[in-house]
């Protein structure tokens, strides 16, 4: 397994009342299901009860921004994790889907003020995707869940320090 170059500098424990949503794309199911398993495992490792993680499926990566927006707008979650895999084929479709998904998820985060974590693999082939879904490059679903916890802690620190207000 490769060395993780983005390890937290301190122990990360999710706030007891934190709630998270995971939206995952079933297209490229063999890969994305492993990302989903990694995300669930990470939440569990960091003190998040399974009842505090809402999981919903969409058909493909293109639909992730729409679903993430609905989840973020609900104000029920501290962060949303979007998981998918867009694997390059022989047509420009890869470019449109990967760029649209990335820009869409970023926009949702900016527009709603809820962290939306990009856990979407964009790879040249199946082998690269599997390497990042529990293979030699770790599990990027696990990494995305950890980022969601860290961003929740960040938001709460800003609120506790009086820089922002807590979300209702």
N, C-alpha and C. Protein backbone atom coordinates (compact mmCIF):
# COMPACT_ATOMS: atom_id res chain seq x y z
N UNK A 1 0.84 -1.17 0.00
CA UNK A 1 0.00 0.00 0.00
C UNK A 1 0.89 1.23 0.00
N UNK A 2 0.48 2.24 -0.71
CA UNK A 2 1.27 3.46 -0.80
C UNK A 2 1.16 4.26 0.49
N UNK A 3 2.17 5.10 0.71
CA UNK A 3 2.17 5.96 1.89
C UNK A 3 1.13 7.07 1.70
N UNK A 4 0.33 7.30 2.74
CA UNK A 4 -0.65 8.37 2.70
C UNK A 4 0.06 9.68 2.97
N UNK A 5 0.06 10.59 2.00
CA UNK A 5 0.77 11.86 2.14
C UNK A 5 -0.10 12.95 2.76
N UNK A 6 -1.28 12.58 3.26
CA UNK A 6 -2.18 13.59 3.82
C UNK A 6 -2.76 13.15 5.15
N UNK A 7 -1.92 12.57 5.99
CA UNK A 7 -2.38 12.14 7.31
C UNK A 7 -2.65 13.33 8.21
N UNK A 8 -3.73 13.29 8.99
CA UNK A 8 -3.98 14.37 9.96
C UNK A 8 -2.83 14.46 10.95
N UNK A 9 -2.55 15.66 11.41
CA UNK A 9 -1.45 15.87 12.35
C UNK A 9 -1.85 15.53 13.78
N UNK A 10 -3.14 15.45 14.03
CA UNK A 10 -3.65 15.09 15.36
C UNK A 10 -4.71 14.00 15.19
N UNK A 11 -5.03 13.34 16.29
CA UNK A 11 -6.09 12.32 16.28
C UNK A 11 -7.41 12.97 15.91
N UNK A 12 -8.18 12.35 15.06
CA UNK A 12 -9.45 12.89 14.60
C UNK A 12 -10.59 12.04 15.16
N UNK A 13 -11.47 12.69 15.92
CA UNK A 13 -12.67 12.03 16.42
C UNK A 13 -13.85 12.90 16.05
N UNK A 14 -14.83 12.31 15.45
CA UNK A 14 -16.02 13.06 15.03
C UNK A 14 -16.82 13.50 16.25
N UNK A 15 -17.43 14.69 16.18
CA UNK A 15 -18.32 15.11 17.26
C UNK A 15 -19.45 14.09 17.43
N UNK A 16 -19.86 13.86 18.65
CA UNK A 16 -20.86 12.82 18.95
C UNK A 16 -22.18 13.06 18.22
N UNK A 17 -22.54 14.32 17.99
CA UNK A 17 -23.82 14.61 17.36
C UNK A 17 -23.70 14.85 15.85
N UNK A 18 -22.55 14.61 15.28
CA UNK A 18 -22.35 14.86 13.84
C UNK A 18 -23.15 13.87 13.00
N UNK A 19 -23.67 14.39 11.88
CA UNK A 19 -24.40 13.55 10.93
C UNK A 19 -23.79 13.75 9.55
N UNK A 20 -23.67 12.67 8.83
CA UNK A 20 -23.05 12.69 7.52
C UNK A 20 -23.95 12.01 6.50
N UNK A 21 -23.82 12.44 5.26
CA UNK A 21 -24.51 11.78 4.16
C UNK A 21 -23.46 11.28 3.18
N UNK A 22 -23.71 10.13 2.63
CA UNK A 22 -22.90 9.59 1.54
C UNK A 22 -23.82 9.40 0.36
N UNK A 23 -23.46 9.98 -0.77
CA UNK A 23 -24.17 9.71 -2.01
C UNK A 23 -23.17 9.01 -2.92
N UNK A 24 -23.59 7.85 -3.43
CA UNK A 24 -22.67 7.08 -4.26
C UNK A 24 -23.32 6.68 -5.57
N UNK A 25 -22.48 6.60 -6.57
CA UNK A 25 -22.91 6.27 -7.92
C UNK A 25 -22.76 4.77 -8.17
N UNK A 26 -23.82 4.14 -8.64
CA UNK A 26 -23.72 2.69 -8.87
C UNK A 26 -23.04 2.34 -10.18
N UNK A 27 -22.86 3.32 -11.09
CA UNK A 27 -22.11 3.06 -12.32
C UNK A 27 -20.66 2.75 -11.92
N UNK A 28 -20.08 1.75 -12.51
CA UNK A 28 -18.77 1.21 -12.09
C UNK A 28 -18.86 0.66 -10.67
N UNK A 29 -19.94 -0.08 -10.43
CA UNK A 29 -20.28 -0.61 -9.11
C UNK A 29 -19.13 -1.38 -8.46
N UNK A 30 -18.40 -2.16 -9.22
CA UNK A 30 -17.32 -2.96 -8.63
C UNK A 30 -16.28 -2.08 -7.95
N UNK A 31 -16.07 -0.89 -8.45
CA UNK A 31 -15.13 0.05 -7.86
C UNK A 31 -15.80 0.87 -6.76
N UNK A 32 -16.94 1.46 -7.07
CA UNK A 32 -17.56 2.42 -6.15
C UNK A 32 -18.06 1.72 -4.88
N UNK A 33 -18.47 0.48 -4.97
CA UNK A 33 -18.90 -0.23 -3.76
C UNK A 33 -17.75 -0.36 -2.77
N UNK A 34 -16.53 -0.48 -3.28
CA UNK A 34 -15.35 -0.55 -2.40
C UNK A 34 -15.08 0.82 -1.76
N UNK A 35 -15.31 1.89 -2.51
CA UNK A 35 -15.18 3.23 -1.94
C UNK A 35 -16.19 3.43 -0.82
N UNK A 36 -17.42 2.97 -1.06
CA UNK A 36 -18.48 3.06 -0.06
C UNK A 36 -18.10 2.29 1.20
N UNK A 37 -17.59 1.08 1.04
CA UNK A 37 -17.16 0.30 2.20
C UNK A 37 -16.07 1.03 2.97
N UNK A 38 -15.12 1.64 2.24
CA UNK A 38 -14.04 2.37 2.89
C UNK A 38 -14.55 3.57 3.67
N UNK A 39 -15.52 4.29 3.09
CA UNK A 39 -16.09 5.45 3.77
C UNK A 39 -16.81 5.03 5.06
N UNK A 40 -17.62 3.99 4.97
CA UNK A 40 -18.33 3.51 6.16
C UNK A 40 -17.35 3.06 7.25
N UNK A 41 -16.31 2.37 6.82
CA UNK A 41 -15.29 1.90 7.77
C UNK A 41 -14.62 3.09 8.48
N UNK A 42 -14.29 4.11 7.71
CA UNK A 42 -13.65 5.29 8.29
C UNK A 42 -14.56 5.96 9.31
N UNK A 43 -15.82 6.16 8.97
CA UNK A 43 -16.73 6.79 9.91
C UNK A 43 -16.79 5.98 11.20
N UNK A 44 -16.88 4.68 11.09
CA UNK A 44 -16.93 3.82 12.27
C UNK A 44 -15.65 3.95 13.10
N UNK A 45 -14.50 3.93 12.43
CA UNK A 45 -13.21 4.05 13.12
C UNK A 45 -13.08 5.36 13.90
N UNK A 46 -13.76 6.39 13.45
CA UNK A 46 -13.63 7.70 14.05
C UNK A 46 -14.83 8.10 14.89
N UNK A 47 -15.58 7.09 15.36
CA UNK A 47 -16.61 7.32 16.36
C UNK A 47 -17.98 7.71 15.84
N UNK A 48 -18.23 7.55 14.54
CA UNK A 48 -19.54 7.90 13.99
C UNK A 48 -20.41 6.64 13.96
N UNK A 49 -21.54 6.69 14.65
CA UNK A 49 -22.46 5.55 14.66
C UNK A 49 -23.09 5.38 13.29
N UNK A 50 -23.39 4.15 12.92
CA UNK A 50 -23.98 3.89 11.60
C UNK A 50 -25.31 4.63 11.43
N UNK A 51 -26.05 4.86 12.51
CA UNK A 51 -27.32 5.59 12.40
C UNK A 51 -27.11 7.06 12.08
N UNK A 52 -25.87 7.55 12.21
CA UNK A 52 -25.54 8.95 11.92
C UNK A 52 -24.99 9.13 10.51
N UNK A 53 -25.05 8.07 9.72
CA UNK A 53 -24.58 8.13 8.34
C UNK A 53 -25.74 7.71 7.43
N UNK A 54 -26.20 8.65 6.64
CA UNK A 54 -27.29 8.40 5.69
C UNK A 54 -26.66 8.10 4.33
N UNK A 55 -27.04 6.97 3.74
CA UNK A 55 -26.45 6.54 2.46
C UNK A 55 -27.54 6.49 1.40
N UNK A 56 -27.25 7.09 0.26
CA UNK A 56 -28.19 7.08 -0.85
C UNK A 56 -27.42 6.84 -2.15
N UNK A 57 -28.06 6.16 -3.06
CA UNK A 57 -27.45 5.77 -4.34
C UNK A 57 -28.08 6.55 -5.48
N UNK A 58 -27.24 6.88 -6.47
CA UNK A 58 -27.72 7.49 -7.71
C UNK A 58 -27.18 6.66 -8.88
N UNK A 59 -27.76 6.82 -10.08
CA UNK A 59 -27.33 6.00 -11.20
C UNK A 59 -25.88 6.18 -11.62
N UNK A 60 -25.42 7.43 -11.74
CA UNK A 60 -24.07 7.66 -12.23
C UNK A 60 -23.45 8.89 -11.61
N UNK A 61 -22.19 9.15 -11.97
CA UNK A 61 -21.46 10.29 -11.41
C UNK A 61 -22.12 11.62 -11.76
N UNK A 62 -22.69 11.71 -12.95
CA UNK A 62 -23.33 12.95 -13.39
C UNK A 62 -24.44 13.38 -12.42
N UNK A 63 -25.10 12.43 -11.80
CA UNK A 63 -26.21 12.72 -10.88
C UNK A 63 -25.75 13.07 -9.47
N UNK A 64 -24.48 12.91 -9.17
CA UNK A 64 -23.97 13.19 -7.83
C UNK A 64 -24.21 14.65 -7.38
N UNK A 65 -23.92 15.66 -8.22
CA UNK A 65 -24.14 17.03 -7.75
C UNK A 65 -25.60 17.32 -7.38
N UNK A 66 -26.53 16.83 -8.16
CA UNK A 66 -27.95 17.05 -7.87
C UNK A 66 -28.30 16.45 -6.50
N UNK A 67 -27.89 15.20 -6.30
CA UNK A 67 -28.19 14.53 -5.03
C UNK A 67 -27.48 15.22 -3.86
N UNK A 68 -26.22 15.60 -4.06
CA UNK A 68 -25.49 16.29 -3.00
C UNK A 68 -26.16 17.60 -2.64
N UNK A 69 -26.68 18.30 -3.63
CA UNK A 69 -27.36 19.56 -3.37
C UNK A 69 -28.61 19.34 -2.52
N UNK A 70 -29.40 18.34 -2.86
CA UNK A 70 -30.60 18.05 -2.06
C UNK A 70 -30.23 17.71 -0.62
N UNK A 71 -29.19 16.91 -0.46
CA UNK A 71 -28.76 16.52 0.89
C UNK A 71 -28.24 17.72 1.67
N UNK A 72 -27.42 18.53 1.03
CA UNK A 72 -26.86 19.71 1.71
C UNK A 72 -27.95 20.71 2.06
N UNK A 73 -28.88 20.93 1.16
CA UNK A 73 -29.97 21.88 1.41
C UNK A 73 -30.90 21.44 2.52
N UNK A 74 -30.92 20.15 2.83
CA UNK A 74 -31.80 19.65 3.88
C UNK A 74 -31.39 20.15 5.27
N UNK A 75 -30.15 20.59 5.40
CA UNK A 75 -29.60 21.07 6.68
C UNK A 75 -29.58 19.99 7.76
N UNK A 76 -29.62 18.73 7.34
CA UNK A 76 -29.59 17.63 8.29
C UNK A 76 -28.20 17.03 8.47
N UNK A 77 -27.23 17.49 7.64
CA UNK A 77 -25.91 16.85 7.64
C UNK A 77 -24.81 17.88 7.81
N UNK A 78 -23.78 17.48 8.54
CA UNK A 78 -22.61 18.33 8.71
C UNK A 78 -21.74 18.33 7.47
N UNK A 79 -21.76 17.25 6.73
CA UNK A 79 -20.99 17.15 5.49
C UNK A 79 -21.60 16.05 4.61
N UNK A 80 -21.34 16.17 3.32
CA UNK A 80 -21.80 15.19 2.33
C UNK A 80 -20.57 14.64 1.63
N UNK A 81 -20.52 13.32 1.51
CA UNK A 81 -19.44 12.65 0.79
C UNK A 81 -20.01 12.11 -0.51
N UNK A 82 -19.42 12.50 -1.63
CA UNK A 82 -19.85 12.03 -2.95
C UNK A 82 -18.82 11.03 -3.47
N UNK A 83 -19.29 9.83 -3.78
CA UNK A 83 -18.41 8.75 -4.23
C UNK A 83 -18.81 8.29 -5.62
N UNK A 84 -17.83 8.13 -6.48
CA UNK A 84 -18.09 7.63 -7.83
C UNK A 84 -16.79 7.28 -8.51
N UNK A 85 -16.92 6.78 -9.73
CA UNK A 85 -15.74 6.44 -10.54
C UNK A 85 -16.07 6.72 -12.00
N UNK A 86 -15.28 7.59 -12.59
CA UNK A 86 -15.40 7.89 -14.02
C UNK A 86 -14.11 7.37 -14.65
N UNK A 87 -14.26 6.35 -15.48
CA UNK A 87 -13.10 5.69 -16.06
C UNK A 87 -13.05 6.00 -17.55
N UNK A 88 -11.90 6.49 -17.99
CA UNK A 88 -11.73 6.94 -19.37
C UNK A 88 -12.06 5.81 -20.36
N UNK A 89 -12.78 6.18 -21.38
CA UNK A 89 -13.09 5.25 -22.46
C UNK A 89 -12.51 5.81 -23.76
N UNK A 90 -13.07 5.41 -24.86
CA UNK A 90 -12.55 5.83 -26.15
C UNK A 90 -13.22 7.06 -26.73
N UNK A 91 -14.08 7.73 -25.94
CA UNK A 91 -14.80 8.90 -26.44
C UNK A 91 -14.59 10.07 -25.48
N UNK A 92 -14.97 11.27 -25.86
CA UNK A 92 -14.83 12.43 -24.97
C UNK A 92 -15.81 12.43 -23.79
N UNK A 93 -16.69 11.45 -23.71
CA UNK A 93 -17.67 11.38 -22.63
C UNK A 93 -17.00 11.50 -21.26
N UNK A 94 -15.86 10.88 -21.09
CA UNK A 94 -15.11 10.94 -19.83
C UNK A 94 -14.87 12.39 -19.41
N UNK A 95 -14.42 13.21 -20.37
CA UNK A 95 -14.08 14.60 -20.08
C UNK A 95 -15.31 15.38 -19.61
N UNK A 96 -16.43 15.18 -20.28
CA UNK A 96 -17.65 15.91 -19.91
C UNK A 96 -18.16 15.49 -18.54
N UNK A 97 -18.19 14.19 -18.30
CA UNK A 97 -18.73 13.70 -17.02
C UNK A 97 -17.81 14.06 -15.86
N UNK A 98 -16.52 13.85 -16.02
CA UNK A 98 -15.62 14.13 -14.90
C UNK A 98 -15.58 15.62 -14.58
N UNK A 99 -15.50 16.46 -15.60
CA UNK A 99 -15.46 17.91 -15.35
C UNK A 99 -16.79 18.41 -14.79
N UNK A 100 -17.90 17.98 -15.37
CA UNK A 100 -19.20 18.41 -14.88
C UNK A 100 -19.46 17.98 -13.45
N UNK A 101 -19.05 16.77 -13.13
CA UNK A 101 -19.24 16.27 -11.77
C UNK A 101 -18.40 17.06 -10.77
N UNK A 102 -17.15 17.28 -11.11
CA UNK A 102 -16.26 18.02 -10.21
C UNK A 102 -16.75 19.45 -9.99
N UNK A 103 -17.07 20.13 -11.07
CA UNK A 103 -17.53 21.51 -10.95
C UNK A 103 -18.87 21.58 -10.21
N UNK A 104 -19.75 20.63 -10.51
CA UNK A 104 -21.06 20.61 -9.86
C UNK A 104 -20.95 20.39 -8.36
N UNK A 105 -20.11 19.46 -7.94
CA UNK A 105 -19.96 19.21 -6.50
C UNK A 105 -19.33 20.40 -5.80
N UNK A 106 -18.36 21.03 -6.45
CA UNK A 106 -17.75 22.21 -5.86
C UNK A 106 -18.76 23.33 -5.70
N UNK A 107 -19.60 23.48 -6.69
CA UNK A 107 -20.62 24.53 -6.63
C UNK A 107 -21.60 24.28 -5.49
N UNK A 108 -22.00 23.03 -5.31
CA UNK A 108 -22.93 22.71 -4.23
C UNK A 108 -22.32 23.11 -2.89
N UNK A 109 -21.07 22.79 -2.69
CA UNK A 109 -20.41 23.13 -1.43
C UNK A 109 -20.38 24.64 -1.23
N UNK A 110 -20.02 25.38 -2.26
CA UNK A 110 -19.95 26.83 -2.15
C UNK A 110 -21.34 27.46 -1.97
N UNK A 111 -22.33 26.97 -2.70
CA UNK A 111 -23.67 27.55 -2.65
C UNK A 111 -24.40 27.26 -1.34
N UNK A 112 -24.15 26.10 -0.74
CA UNK A 112 -24.90 25.71 0.46
C UNK A 112 -24.14 25.97 1.75
N UNK A 113 -22.84 26.11 1.67
CA UNK A 113 -22.04 26.26 2.89
C UNK A 113 -21.85 24.96 3.64
N UNK A 114 -22.19 23.85 3.01
CA UNK A 114 -22.00 22.53 3.60
C UNK A 114 -20.83 21.87 2.88
N UNK A 115 -19.85 21.35 3.61
CA UNK A 115 -18.75 20.67 2.93
C UNK A 115 -19.26 19.48 2.10
N UNK A 116 -18.91 19.48 0.83
CA UNK A 116 -19.20 18.36 -0.05
C UNK A 116 -17.85 17.81 -0.48
N UNK A 117 -17.55 16.61 -0.06
CA UNK A 117 -16.23 16.03 -0.27
C UNK A 117 -16.22 15.22 -1.57
N UNK A 118 -15.21 15.51 -2.38
CA UNK A 118 -15.06 14.89 -3.70
C UNK A 118 -14.34 13.55 -3.55
N UNK A 119 -15.13 12.48 -3.58
CA UNK A 119 -14.59 11.13 -3.52
C UNK A 119 -14.84 10.41 -4.83
N UNK A 120 -14.64 11.12 -5.93
CA UNK A 120 -14.90 10.57 -7.26
C UNK A 120 -13.57 10.28 -7.93
N UNK A 121 -13.35 9.04 -8.27
CA UNK A 121 -12.13 8.67 -8.99
C UNK A 121 -12.29 9.04 -10.45
N UNK A 122 -11.26 9.60 -11.03
CA UNK A 122 -11.22 9.88 -12.47
C UNK A 122 -9.93 9.25 -12.97
N UNK A 123 -10.05 8.07 -13.56
CA UNK A 123 -8.87 7.29 -13.91
C UNK A 123 -8.86 6.92 -15.38
N UNK A 124 -7.69 6.50 -15.83
CA UNK A 124 -7.53 6.10 -17.22
C UNK A 124 -8.05 4.69 -17.49
N UNK A 125 -8.06 3.84 -16.45
CA UNK A 125 -8.49 2.46 -16.67
C UNK A 125 -8.99 1.83 -15.37
N UNK A 126 -9.54 0.62 -15.50
CA UNK A 126 -10.08 -0.09 -14.34
C UNK A 126 -9.01 -0.38 -13.30
N UNK A 127 -7.81 -0.72 -13.73
CA UNK A 127 -6.74 -1.06 -12.79
C UNK A 127 -6.41 0.14 -11.89
N UNK A 128 -6.31 1.32 -12.48
CA UNK A 128 -6.04 2.51 -11.67
C UNK A 128 -7.17 2.75 -10.67
N UNK A 129 -8.39 2.55 -11.11
CA UNK A 129 -9.53 2.74 -10.22
C UNK A 129 -9.48 1.76 -9.05
N UNK A 130 -9.24 0.51 -9.33
CA UNK A 130 -9.19 -0.50 -8.27
C UNK A 130 -8.01 -0.26 -7.33
N UNK A 131 -6.90 0.25 -7.86
CA UNK A 131 -5.76 0.59 -7.00
C UNK A 131 -6.14 1.65 -5.98
N UNK A 132 -7.12 2.50 -6.31
CA UNK A 132 -7.53 3.60 -5.43
C UNK A 132 -8.80 3.26 -4.63
N UNK A 133 -9.29 2.08 -4.83
CA UNK A 133 -10.50 1.64 -4.12
C UNK A 133 -10.16 0.44 -3.23
N UNK A 134 -9.06 0.57 -2.52
CA UNK A 134 -8.65 -0.47 -1.60
C UNK A 134 -7.41 -1.23 -2.04
N UNK A 135 -6.83 -0.83 -3.16
CA UNK A 135 -5.63 -1.48 -3.68
C UNK A 135 -4.36 -0.78 -3.23
N UNK A 136 -3.38 -0.74 -4.12
CA UNK A 136 -2.05 -0.24 -3.78
C UNK A 136 -2.02 1.24 -3.41
N UNK A 137 -3.03 1.99 -3.78
CA UNK A 137 -3.08 3.42 -3.44
C UNK A 137 -4.10 3.74 -2.34
N UNK A 138 -4.44 2.73 -1.56
CA UNK A 138 -5.37 2.94 -0.45
C UNK A 138 -6.81 2.96 -0.90
N UNK A 139 -7.66 3.51 -0.06
CA UNK A 139 -9.08 3.58 -0.38
C UNK A 139 -9.51 5.04 -0.29
N UNK A 140 -9.79 5.63 -1.44
CA UNK A 140 -10.13 7.05 -1.49
C UNK A 140 -11.51 7.33 -0.89
N UNK A 141 -12.34 6.32 -0.76
CA UNK A 141 -13.61 6.48 -0.03
C UNK A 141 -13.33 6.71 1.45
N UNK A 142 -12.40 5.96 1.99
CA UNK A 142 -11.96 6.14 3.38
C UNK A 142 -11.42 7.55 3.56
N UNK A 143 -10.57 7.98 2.63
CA UNK A 143 -9.98 9.32 2.70
C UNK A 143 -11.06 10.40 2.65
N UNK A 144 -12.06 10.21 1.81
CA UNK A 144 -13.13 11.20 1.68
C UNK A 144 -13.93 11.32 2.98
N UNK A 145 -14.21 10.20 3.62
CA UNK A 145 -14.94 10.24 4.89
C UNK A 145 -14.13 10.96 5.96
N UNK A 146 -12.83 10.71 6.00
CA UNK A 146 -11.98 11.40 6.96
C UNK A 146 -11.99 12.90 6.70
N UNK A 147 -11.95 13.29 5.45
CA UNK A 147 -12.03 14.71 5.11
C UNK A 147 -13.35 15.31 5.59
N UNK A 148 -14.44 14.57 5.44
CA UNK A 148 -15.75 15.06 5.91
C UNK A 148 -15.72 15.31 7.42
N UNK A 149 -15.12 14.41 8.15
CA UNK A 149 -15.02 14.59 9.61
C UNK A 149 -14.17 15.81 9.92
N UNK A 150 -13.04 15.93 9.23
CA UNK A 150 -12.16 17.08 9.49
C UNK A 150 -12.84 18.40 9.14
N UNK A 151 -13.60 18.44 8.07
CA UNK A 151 -14.29 19.68 7.71
C UNK A 151 -15.40 20.01 8.70
N UNK A 152 -16.03 18.99 9.26
CA UNK A 152 -17.03 19.21 10.30
C UNK A 152 -16.36 19.81 11.53
N UNK A 153 -15.22 19.29 11.91
CA UNK A 153 -14.48 19.85 13.03
C UNK A 153 -14.05 21.29 12.74
N UNK A 154 -13.64 21.55 11.51
CA UNK A 154 -13.26 22.91 11.09
C UNK A 154 -14.44 23.87 11.24
N UNK A 155 -15.59 23.49 10.69
CA UNK A 155 -16.78 24.34 10.80
C UNK A 155 -17.15 24.62 12.25
N UNK A 156 -17.07 23.59 13.08
CA UNK A 156 -17.44 23.77 14.48
C UNK A 156 -16.42 24.63 15.23
N UNK A 157 -15.16 24.52 14.88
CA UNK A 157 -14.15 25.37 15.50
C UNK A 157 -14.41 26.84 15.16
N UNK A 158 -14.71 27.12 13.90
CA UNK A 158 -15.01 28.50 13.51
C UNK A 158 -16.21 29.03 14.28
N UNK A 159 -17.23 28.21 14.44
CA UNK A 159 -18.42 28.62 15.19
C UNK A 159 -18.08 28.83 16.67
N UNK A 160 -17.33 27.90 17.25
CA UNK A 160 -16.95 28.02 18.66
C UNK A 160 -16.10 29.26 18.92
N UNK A 161 -15.29 29.63 17.93
CA UNK A 161 -14.42 30.80 18.06
C UNK A 161 -15.14 32.10 17.70
N UNK A 162 -16.44 32.02 17.37
CA UNK A 162 -17.23 33.19 17.07
C UNK A 162 -16.98 33.79 15.69
N UNK A 163 -16.32 33.04 14.83
CA UNK A 163 -16.03 33.53 13.48
C UNK A 163 -17.23 33.34 12.56
N UNK A 164 -17.93 32.24 12.76
CA UNK A 164 -19.16 31.97 12.00
C UNK A 164 -20.22 31.54 13.00
N UNK A 165 -21.43 31.36 12.51
CA UNK A 165 -22.49 30.83 13.36
C UNK A 165 -22.68 29.36 13.01
N UNK A 166 -23.14 28.61 13.96
CA UNK A 166 -23.40 27.19 13.71
C UNK A 166 -24.61 27.04 12.82
N UNK A 167 -24.55 26.02 11.97
CA UNK A 167 -25.72 25.71 11.15
C UNK A 167 -26.80 25.14 12.03
N UNK A 168 -28.04 25.48 11.72
CA UNK A 168 -29.18 24.97 12.49
C UNK A 168 -29.41 23.51 12.20
